Amino acid sequence: LRALPALILVLLALALSLPVLALVGSWAQWNAESA
């Protein structure tokens, strides 16, 4: 119960930042077609 607010906060931040993080991570998926 004490850790629940921190867990919710981390999940919320992850959900709202995931699209931006996915864009940055797209460079790790470099392939011949996109190149």
Full PDB file with SEQRES, HELIX, SHEET, SSBOND, CRYST1, ORIGX, SCALE, CONECT and MASTER records, all heavy atoms in Angstrom:
SEQRES   1 A   35  LEU ARG ALA LEU PRO ALA LEU ILE LEU VAL LEU LEU ALA          
SEQRES   2 A   35  LEU ALA LEU SER LEU PRO VAL LEU ALA LEU VAL GLY SER          
SEQRES   3 A   35  TRP ALA GLN TRP ASN ALA GLU SER ALA                          
HELIX    1 AA1 LEU A    4  GLY A   25  1                                  22    
HELIX    2 AA2 SER A   26  GLN A   29  5                                   4    
CRYST1    1.000    1.000    1.000  90.00  90.00  90.00 P 1           1          
ORIGX1      1.000000  0.000000  0.000000        0.00000                         
ORIGX2      0.000000  1.000000  0.000000        0.00000                         
ORIGX3      0.000000  0.000000  1.000000        0.00000                         
SCALE1      1.000000  0.000000  0.000000        0.00000                         
SCALE2      0.000000  1.000000  0.000000        0.00000                         
SCALE3      0.000000  0.000000  1.000000        0.00000                         
ATOM      1  N   LEU A   1       0.827  -1.204   0.000  1.00  0.00           N  
ATOM      2  CA  LEU A   1       0.000   0.000   0.000  1.00  0.00           C  
ATOM      3  C   LEU A   1       0.864   1.258   0.000  1.00  0.00           C  
ATOM      4  O   LEU A   1       0.543   2.240  -0.666  1.00  0.00           O  
ATOM      5  CB  LEU A   1      -0.926  -0.003   1.217  1.00  0.00           C  
ATOM      6  CG  LEU A   1      -2.077  -1.014   1.199  1.00  0.00           C  
ATOM      7  CD1 LEU A   1      -2.872  -0.944   2.495  1.00  0.00           C  
ATOM      8  CD2 LEU A   1      -3.001  -0.757   0.007  1.00  0.00           C  
ATOM      9  N   ARG A   2       1.967   1.225   0.736  1.00  0.00           N  
ATOM     10  CA  ARG A   2       2.838   2.398   0.767  1.00  0.00           C  
ATOM     11  C   ARG A   2       3.546   2.614  -0.561  1.00  0.00           C  
ATOM     12  O   ARG A   2       3.828   3.748  -0.943  1.00  0.00           O  
ATOM     13  CB  ARG A   2       3.858   2.252   1.889  1.00  0.00           C  
ATOM     14  CG  ARG A   2       3.252   2.367   3.276  1.00  0.00           C  
ATOM     15  CD  ARG A   2       4.326   2.275   4.345  1.00  0.00           C  
ATOM     16  NE  ARG A   2       3.766   2.507   5.677  1.00  0.00           N  
ATOM     17  CZ  ARG A   2       4.482   2.460   6.802  1.00  0.00           C  
ATOM     18  NH1 ARG A   2       5.794   2.202   6.739  1.00  0.00           N  
ATOM     19  NH2 ARG A   2       3.902   2.689   7.970  1.00  0.00           N  
ATOM     20  N   ALA A   3       3.848   1.508  -1.240  1.00  0.00           N  
ATOM     21  CA  ALA A   3       4.535   1.622  -2.524  1.00  0.00           C  
ATOM     22  C   ALA A   3       3.588   1.871  -3.686  1.00  0.00           C  
ATOM     23  O   ALA A   3       4.044   2.192  -4.786  1.00  0.00           O  
ATOM     24  CB  ALA A   3       5.347   0.352  -2.791  1.00  0.00           C  
ATOM     25  N   LEU A   4       2.270   1.729  -3.454  1.00  0.00           N  
ATOM     26  CA  LEU A   4       1.313   1.849  -4.553  1.00  0.00           C  
ATOM     27  C   LEU A   4       1.331   3.222  -5.218  1.00  0.00           C  
ATOM     28  O   LEU A   4       1.338   3.295  -6.458  1.00  0.00           O  
ATOM     29  CB  LEU A   4      -0.101   1.517  -4.052  1.00  0.00           C  
ATOM     30  CG  LEU A   4      -1.194   1.443  -5.115  1.00  0.00           C  
ATOM     31  CD1 LEU A   4      -0.856   0.375  -6.151  1.00  0.00           C  
ATOM     32  CD2 LEU A   4      -2.544   1.146  -4.471  1.00  0.00           C  
ATOM     33  N   PRO A   5       1.331   4.342  -4.478  1.00  0.00           N  
ATOM     34  CA  PRO A   5       1.377   5.647  -5.166  1.00  0.00           C  
ATOM     35  C   PRO A   5       2.603   5.821  -6.051  1.00  0.00           C  
ATOM     36  O   PRO A   5       2.494   6.337  -7.172  1.00  0.00           O  
ATOM     37  CB  PRO A   5       1.376   6.649  -4.001  1.00  0.00           C  
ATOM     38  CG  PRO A   5       0.743   5.924  -2.873  1.00  0.00           C  
ATOM     39  CD  PRO A   5       1.184   4.501  -3.021  1.00  0.00           C  
ATOM     40  N   ALA A   6       3.771   5.374  -5.568  1.00  0.00           N  
ATOM     41  CA  ALA A   6       4.973   5.489  -6.392  1.00  0.00           C  
ATOM     42  C   ALA A   6       4.867   4.623  -7.638  1.00  0.00           C  
ATOM     43  O   ALA A   6       5.287   5.026  -8.729  1.00  0.00           O  
ATOM     44  CB  ALA A   6       6.208   5.101  -5.582  1.00  0.00           C  
ATOM     45  N   LEU A   7       4.273   3.422  -7.494  1.00  0.00           N  
ATOM     46  CA  LEU A   7       4.102   2.545  -8.647  1.00  0.00           C  
ATOM     47  C   LEU A   7       3.159   3.166  -9.672  1.00  0.00           C  
ATOM     48  O   LEU A   7       3.431   3.137 -10.881  1.00  0.00           O  
ATOM     49  CB  LEU A   7       3.571   1.187  -8.179  1.00  0.00           C  
ATOM     50  CG  LEU A   7       3.297   0.152  -9.278  1.00  0.00           C  
ATOM     51  CD1 LEU A   7       4.580  -0.180 -10.024  1.00  0.00           C  
ATOM     52  CD2 LEU A   7       2.655  -1.096  -8.683  1.00  0.00           C  
ATOM     53  N   ILE A   8       2.050   3.733  -9.198  1.00  0.00           N  
ATOM     54  CA  ILE A   8       1.101   4.385 -10.111  1.00  0.00           C  
ATOM     55  C   ILE A   8       1.767   5.552 -10.813  1.00  0.00           C  
ATOM     56  O   ILE A   8       1.571   5.773 -12.017  1.00  0.00           O  
ATOM     57  CB  ILE A   8      -0.144   4.844  -9.330  1.00  0.00           C  
ATOM     58  CG1 ILE A   8      -0.917   3.632  -8.794  1.00  0.00           C  
ATOM     59  CG2 ILE A   8      -1.055   5.694 -10.223  1.00  0.00           C  
ATOM     60  CD1 ILE A   8      -2.096   4.005  -7.923  1.00  0.00           C  
ATOM     61  N   LEU A   9       2.582   6.296 -10.082  1.00  0.00           N  
ATOM     62  CA  LEU A   9       3.269   7.443 -10.674  1.00  0.00           C  
ATOM     63  C   LEU A   9       4.228   7.001 -11.778  1.00  0.00           C  
ATOM     64  O   LEU A   9       4.286   7.607 -12.844  1.00  0.00           O  
ATOM     65  CB  LEU A   9       4.024   8.199  -9.580  1.00  0.00           C  
ATOM     66  CG  LEU A   9       4.752   9.474 -10.007  1.00  0.00           C  
ATOM     67  CD1 LEU A   9       3.758  10.504 -10.505  1.00  0.00           C  
ATOM     68  CD2 LEU A   9       5.559  10.026  -8.845  1.00  0.00           C  
ATOM     69  N   VAL A  10       4.969   5.927 -11.526  1.00  0.00           N  
ATOM     70  CA  VAL A  10       5.907   5.424 -12.535  1.00  0.00           C  
ATOM     71  C   VAL A  10       5.154   4.933 -13.769  1.00  0.00           C  
ATOM     72  O   VAL A  10       5.546   5.217 -14.914  1.00  0.00           O  
ATOM     73  CB  VAL A  10       6.774   4.304 -11.942  1.00  0.00           C  
ATOM     74  CG1 VAL A  10       7.585   3.616 -13.031  1.00  0.00           C  
ATOM     75  CG2 VAL A  10       7.701   4.861 -10.868  1.00  0.00           C  
ATOM     76  N   LEU A  11       4.067   4.200 -13.559  1.00  0.00           N  
ATOM     77  CA  LEU A  11       3.278   3.701 -14.692  1.00  0.00           C  
ATOM     78  C   LEU A  11       2.665   4.853 -15.485  1.00  0.00           C  
ATOM     79  O   LEU A  11       2.620   4.822 -16.723  1.00  0.00           O  
ATOM     80  CB  LEU A  11       2.182   2.757 -14.188  1.00  0.00           C  
ATOM     81  CG  LEU A  11       2.662   1.433 -13.596  1.00  0.00           C  
ATOM     82  CD1 LEU A  11       1.476   0.631 -13.063  1.00  0.00           C  
ATOM     83  CD2 LEU A  11       3.416   0.619 -14.634  1.00  0.00           C  
ATOM     84  N   LEU A  12       2.191   5.883 -14.785  1.00  0.00           N  
ATOM     85  CA  LEU A  12       1.612   7.040 -15.461  1.00  0.00           C  
ATOM     86  C   LEU A  12       2.669   7.757 -16.298  1.00  0.00           C  
ATOM     87  O   LEU A  12       2.431   8.099 -17.470  1.00  0.00           O  
ATOM     88  CB  LEU A  12       1.016   7.987 -14.421  1.00  0.00           C  
ATOM     89  CG  LEU A  12       0.365   9.276 -14.937  1.00  0.00           C  
ATOM     90  CD1 LEU A  12      -0.830   8.949 -15.811  1.00  0.00           C  
ATOM     91  CD2 LEU A  12      -0.051  10.171 -13.769  1.00  0.00           C  
ATOM     92  N   ALA A  13       3.833   7.986 -15.712  1.00  0.00           N  
ATOM     93  CA  ALA A  13       4.901   8.652 -16.457  1.00  0.00           C  
ATOM     94  C   ALA A  13       5.347   7.812 -17.651  1.00  0.00           C  
ATOM     95  O   ALA A  13       5.622   8.342 -18.726  1.00  0.00           O  
ATOM     96  CB  ALA A  13       6.086   8.934 -15.531  1.00  0.00           C  
ATOM     97  N   LEU A  14       5.389   6.489 -17.475  1.00  0.00           N  
ATOM     98  CA  LEU A  14       5.793   5.614 -18.575  1.00  0.00           C  
ATOM     99  C   LEU A  14       4.780   5.655 -19.708  1.00  0.00           C  
ATOM    100  O   LEU A  14       5.148   5.742 -20.890  1.00  0.00           O  
ATOM    101  CB  LEU A  14       5.961   4.186 -18.063  1.00  0.00           C  
ATOM    102  CG  LEU A  14       6.393   3.140 -19.106  1.00  0.00           C  
ATOM    103  CD1 LEU A  14       7.764   3.496 -19.674  1.00  0.00           C  
ATOM    104  CD2 LEU A  14       6.404   1.745 -18.485  1.00  0.00           C  
ATOM    105  N   ALA A  15       3.482   5.606 -19.364  1.00  0.00           N  
ATOM    106  CA  ALA A  15       2.440   5.618 -20.392  1.00  0.00           C  
ATOM    107  C   ALA A  15       2.436   6.926 -21.175  1.00  0.00           C  
ATOM    108  O   ALA A  15       2.222   6.929 -22.389  1.00  0.00           O  
ATOM    109  CB  ALA A  15       1.069   5.392 -19.751  1.00  0.00           C  
ATOM    110  N   LEU A  16       2.691   8.042 -20.487  1.00  0.00           N  
ATOM    111  CA  LEU A  16       2.632   9.342 -21.147  1.00  0.00           C  
ATOM    112  C   LEU A  16       3.934   9.712 -21.854  1.00  0.00           C  
ATOM    113  O   LEU A  16       3.938  10.631 -22.679  1.00  0.00           O  
ATOM    114  CB  LEU A  16       2.278  10.421 -20.123  1.00  0.00           C  
ATOM    115  CG  LEU A  16       0.885  10.289 -19.490  1.00  0.00           C  
ATOM    116  CD1 LEU A  16       0.645  11.402 -18.487  1.00  0.00           C  
ATOM    117  CD2 LEU A  16      -0.211  10.301 -20.549  1.00  0.00           C  
ATOM    118  N   SER A  17       5.023   9.019 -21.534  1.00  0.00           N  
ATOM    119  CA  SER A  17       6.292   9.288 -22.206  1.00  0.00           C  
ATOM    120  C   SER A  17       6.667   8.205 -23.208  1.00  0.00           C  
ATOM    121  O   SER A  17       7.645   8.379 -23.950  1.00  0.00           O  
ATOM    122  CB  SER A  17       7.416   9.436 -21.171  1.00  0.00           C  
ATOM    123  OG  SER A  17       7.575   8.241 -20.424  1.00  0.00           O  
ATOM    124  N   LEU A  18       5.918   7.098 -23.242  1.00  0.00           N  
ATOM    125  CA  LEU A  18       6.261   5.988 -24.130  1.00  0.00           C  
ATOM    126  C   LEU A  18       6.312   6.384 -25.602  1.00  0.00           C  
ATOM    127  O   LEU A  18       7.234   5.954 -26.320  1.00  0.00           O  
ATOM    128  CB  LEU A  18       5.278   4.832 -23.922  1.00  0.00           C  
ATOM    129  CG  LEU A  18       5.552   3.563 -24.727  1.00  0.00           C  
ATOM    130  CD1 LEU A  18       6.929   3.004 -24.406  1.00  0.00           C  
ATOM    131  CD2 LEU A  18       4.473   2.513 -24.480  1.00  0.00           C  
ATOM    132  N   PRO A  19       5.375   7.187 -26.129  1.00  0.00           N  
ATOM    133  CA  PRO A  19       5.479   7.568 -27.541  1.00  0.00           C  
ATOM    134  C   PRO A  19       6.774   8.298 -27.879  1.00  0.00           C  
ATOM    135  O   PRO A  19       7.383   8.034 -28.922  1.00  0.00           O  
ATOM    136  CB  PRO A  19       4.250   8.475 -27.745  1.00  0.00           C  
ATOM    137  CG  PRO A  19       3.264   7.991 -26.736  1.00  0.00           C  
ATOM    138  CD  PRO A  19       4.088   7.623 -25.545  1.00  0.00           C  
ATOM    139  N   VAL A  20       7.221   9.202 -27.003  1.00  0.00           N  
ATOM    140  CA  VAL A  20       8.472   9.915 -27.263  1.00  0.00           C  
ATOM    141  C   VAL A  20       9.664   8.972 -27.147  1.00  0.00           C  
ATOM    142  O   VAL A  20      10.594   9.009 -27.966  1.00  0.00           O  
ATOM    143  CB  VAL A  20       8.618  11.106 -26.301  1.00  0.00           C  
ATOM    144  CG1 VAL A  20       9.937  11.823 -26.527  1.00  0.00           C  
ATOM    145  CG2 VAL A  20       7.456  12.073 -26.475  1.00  0.00           C  
ATOM    146  N   LEU A  21       9.644   8.091 -26.151  1.00  0.00           N  
ATOM    147  CA  LEU A  21      10.723   7.128 -25.997  1.00  0.00           C  
ATOM    148  C   LEU A  21      10.776   6.168 -27.181  1.00  0.00           C  
ATOM    149  O   LEU A  21      11.869   5.765 -27.612  1.00  0.00           O  
ATOM    150  CB  LEU A  21      10.542   6.346 -24.696  1.00  0.00           C  
ATOM    151  CG  LEU A  21      10.616   7.158 -23.395  1.00  0.00           C  
ATOM    152  CD1 LEU A  21      10.343   6.264 -22.194  1.00  0.00           C  
ATOM    153  CD2 LEU A  21      11.973   7.832 -23.256  1.00  0.00           C  
ATOM    154  N   ALA A  22       9.609   5.802 -27.729  1.00  0.00           N  
ATOM    155  CA  ALA A  22       9.575   4.897 -28.880  1.00  0.00           C  
ATOM    156  C   ALA A  22      10.214   5.549 -30.106  1.00  0.00           C  
ATOM    157  O   ALA A  22      10.878   4.880 -30.902  1.00  0.00           O  
ATOM    158  CB  ALA A  22       8.136   4.494 -29.182  1.00  0.00           C  
ATOM    159  N   LEU A  23      10.020   6.860 -30.257  1.00  0.00           N  
ATOM    160  CA  LEU A  23      10.650   7.549 -31.384  1.00  0.00           C  
ATOM    161  C   LEU A  23      12.168   7.521 -31.264  1.00  0.00           C  
ATOM    162  O   LEU A  23      12.883   7.255 -32.230  1.00  0.00           O  
ATOM    163  CB  LEU A  23      10.160   8.995 -31.450  1.00  0.00           C  
ATOM    164  CG  LEU A  23       8.708   9.210 -31.850  1.00  0.00           C  
ATOM    165  CD1 LEU A  23       8.359  10.679 -31.738  1.00  0.00           C  
ATOM    166  CD2 LEU A  23       8.472   8.720 -33.255  1.00  0.00           C  
ATOM    167  N   VAL A  24      12.655   7.808 -30.072  1.00  0.00           N  
ATOM    168  CA  VAL A  24      14.103   7.782 -29.872  1.00  0.00           C  
ATOM    169  C   VAL A  24      14.646   6.373 -30.082  1.00  0.00           C  
ATOM    170  O   VAL A  24      15.704   6.169 -30.694  1.00  0.00           O  
ATOM    171  CB  VAL A  24      14.455   8.307 -28.468  1.00  0.00           C  
ATOM    172  CG1 VAL A  24      15.951   8.236 -28.223  1.00  0.00           C  
ATOM    173  CG2 VAL A  24      13.956   9.740 -28.302  1.00  0.00           C  
ATOM    174  N   GLY A  25      13.893   5.373 -29.609  1.00  0.00           N  
ATOM    175  CA  GLY A  25      14.325   3.994 -29.765  1.00  0.00           C  
ATOM    176  C   GLY A  25      14.223   3.465 -31.183  1.00  0.00           C  
ATOM    177  O   GLY A  25      14.746   2.386 -31.481  1.00  0.00           O  
ATOM    178  N   SER A  26      13.547   4.198 -32.082  1.00  0.00           N  
ATOM    179  CA  SER A  26      13.414   3.722 -33.460  1.00  0.00           C  
ATOM    180  C   SER A  26      14.765   3.628 -34.165  1.00  0.00           C  
ATOM    181  O   SER A  26      14.929   2.847 -35.099  1.00  0.00           O  
ATOM    182  CB  SER A  26      12.476   4.650 -34.243  1.00  0.00           C  
ATOM    183  OG  SER A  26      13.044   5.942 -34.381  1.00  0.00           O  
ATOM    184  N   TRP A  27      15.750   4.423 -33.713  1.00  0.00           N  
ATOM    185  CA  TRP A  27      17.064   4.370 -34.351  1.00  0.00           C  
ATOM    186  C   TRP A  27      17.795   3.075 -34.026  1.00  0.00           C  
ATOM    187  O   TRP A  27      18.749   2.709 -34.717  1.00  0.00           O  
ATOM    188  CB  TRP A  27      17.898   5.572 -33.921  1.00  0.00           C  
ATOM    189  CG  TRP A  27      17.400   6.846 -34.511  1.00  0.00           C  
ATOM    190  CD1 TRP A  27      16.587   7.757 -33.917  1.00  0.00           C  
ATOM    191  CD2 TRP A  27      17.648   7.332 -35.822  1.00  0.00           C  
ATOM    192  NE1 TRP A  27      16.308   8.792 -34.763  1.00  0.00           N  
ATOM    193  CE2 TRP A  27      16.954   8.565 -35.960  1.00  0.00           C  
ATOM    194  CE3 TRP A  27      18.383   6.862 -36.895  1.00  0.00           C  
ATOM    195  CZ2 TRP A  27      16.981   9.311 -37.119  1.00  0.00           C  
ATOM    196  CZ3 TRP A  27      18.418   7.615 -38.061  1.00  0.00           C  
ATOM    197  CH2 TRP A  27      17.721   8.823 -38.161  1.00  0.00           C  
ATOM    198  N   ALA A  28      17.360   2.385 -32.962  1.00  0.00           N  
ATOM    199  CA  ALA A  28      17.970   1.090 -32.640  1.00  0.00           C  
ATOM    200  C   ALA A  28      17.429  -0.026 -33.535  1.00  0.00           C  
ATOM    201  O   ALA A  28      17.969  -1.132 -33.515  1.00  0.00           O  
ATOM    202  CB  ALA A  28      17.719   0.742 -31.174  1.00  0.00           C  
ATOM    203  N   GLN A  29      16.368   0.265 -34.303  1.00  0.00           N  
ATOM    204  CA  GLN A  29      15.769  -0.740 -35.180  1.00  0.00           C  
ATOM    205  C   GLN A  29      16.111  -0.456 -36.643  1.00  0.00           C  
ATOM    206  O   GLN A  29      15.319  -0.713 -37.543  1.00  0.00           O  
ATOM    207  CB  GLN A  29      14.249  -0.749 -34.999  1.00  0.00           C  
ATOM    208  CG  GLN A  29      13.813  -0.992 -33.570  1.00  0.00           C  
ATOM    209  CD  GLN A  29      12.312  -0.860 -33.412  1.00  0.00           C  
ATOM    210  OE1 GLN A  29      11.561  -0.919 -34.376  1.00  0.00           O  
ATOM    211  NE2 GLN A  29      11.865  -0.704 -32.178  1.00  0.00           N  
ATOM    212  N   TRP A  30      17.280   0.091 -36.875  1.00  0.00           N  
ATOM    213  CA  TRP A  30      17.703   0.445 -38.230  1.00  0.00           C  
ATOM    214  C   TRP A  30      17.704  -0.799 -39.119  1.00  0.00           C  
ATOM    215  O   TRP A  30      18.235  -1.841 -38.768  1.00  0.00           O  
ATOM    216  CB  TRP A  30      19.101   1.040 -38.152  1.00  0.00           C  
ATOM    217  CG  TRP A  30      19.630   1.521 -39.469  1.00  0.00           C  
ATOM    218  CD1 TRP A  30      20.336   0.798 -40.378  1.00  0.00           C  
ATOM    219  CD2 TRP A  30      19.511   2.834 -40.010  1.00  0.00           C  
ATOM    220  NE1 TRP A  30      20.659   1.569 -41.453  1.00  0.00           N  
ATOM    221  CE2 TRP A  30      20.168   2.840 -41.254  1.00  0.00           C  
ATOM    222  CE3 TRP A  30      18.907   4.004 -39.569  1.00  0.00           C  
ATOM    223  CZ2 TRP A  30      20.247   3.959 -42.057  1.00  0.00           C  
ATOM    224  CZ3 TRP A  30      18.997   5.130 -40.357  1.00  0.00           C  
ATOM    225  CH2 TRP A  30      19.644   5.101 -41.588  1.00  0.00           C  
ATOM    226  N   ASN A  31      17.072  -0.669 -40.302  1.00  0.00           N  
ATOM    227  CA  ASN A  31      17.082  -1.779 -41.260  1.00  0.00           C  
ATOM    228  C   ASN A  31      17.319  -1.230 -42.662  1.00  0.00           C  
ATOM    229  O   ASN A  31      17.317  -0.014 -42.885  1.00  0.00           O  
ATOM    230  CB  ASN A  31      15.790  -2.596 -41.196  1.00  0.00           C  
ATOM    231  CG  ASN A  31      14.554  -1.747 -41.428  1.00  0.00           C  
ATOM    232  OD1 ASN A  31      14.543  -0.856 -42.283  1.00  0.00           O  
ATOM    233  ND2 ASN A  31      13.495  -2.018 -40.665  1.00  0.00           N  
ATOM    234  N   ALA A  32      17.511  -2.141 -43.600  1.00  0.00           N  
ATOM    235  CA  ALA A  32      17.869  -1.738 -44.957  1.00  0.00           C  
ATOM    236  C   ALA A  32      16.753  -0.952 -45.628  1.00  0.00           C  
ATOM    237  O   ALA A  32      17.010   0.013 -46.366  1.00  0.00           O  
ATOM    238  CB  ALA A  32      18.226  -2.971 -45.793  1.00  0.00           C  
ATOM    239  N   GLU A  33      15.498  -1.340 -45.378  1.00  0.00           N  
ATOM    240  CA  GLU A  33      14.376  -0.667 -46.051  1.00  0.00           C  
ATOM    241  C   GLU A  33      14.255   0.783 -45.600  1.00  0.00           C  
ATOM    242  O   GLU A  33      14.139   1.697 -46.422  1.00  0.00           O  
ATOM    243  CB  GLU A  33      13.081  -1.418 -45.772  1.00  0.00           C  
ATOM    244  CG  GLU A  33      11.886  -0.826 -46.496  1.00  0.00           C  
ATOM    245  CD  GLU A  33      10.599  -1.559 -46.170  1.00  0.00           C  
ATOM    246  OE1 GLU A  33      10.650  -2.548 -45.419  1.00  0.00           O  
ATOM    247  OE2 GLU A  33       9.535  -1.138 -46.664  1.00  0.00           O  
ATOM    248  N   SER A  34      14.271   0.996 -44.283  1.00  0.00           N  
ATOM    249  CA  SER A  34      14.158   2.374 -43.789  1.00  0.00           C  
ATOM    250  C   SER A  34      15.382   3.197 -44.194  1.00  0.00           C  
ATOM    251  O   SER A  34      15.265   4.386 -44.505  1.00  0.00           O  
ATOM    252  CB  SER A  34      13.995   2.382 -42.270  1.00  0.00           C  
ATOM    253  OG  SER A  34      15.144   1.845 -41.632  1.00  0.00           O  
ATOM    254  N   ALA A  35      16.563   2.564 -44.197  1.00  0.00           N  
ATOM    255  CA  ALA A  35      17.767   3.288 -44.620  1.00  0.00           C  
ATOM    256  C   ALA A  35      17.661   3.712 -46.073  1.00  0.00           C  
ATOM    257  O   ALA A  35      18.041   4.838 -46.436  1.00  0.00           O  
ATOM    258  CB  ALA A  35      18.999   2.404 -44.415  1.00  0.00           C  
TER     259      ALA A  35                                                      
MASTER        0    0    0    2    0    0    0    6  258    1    0    3          
END                                                                             
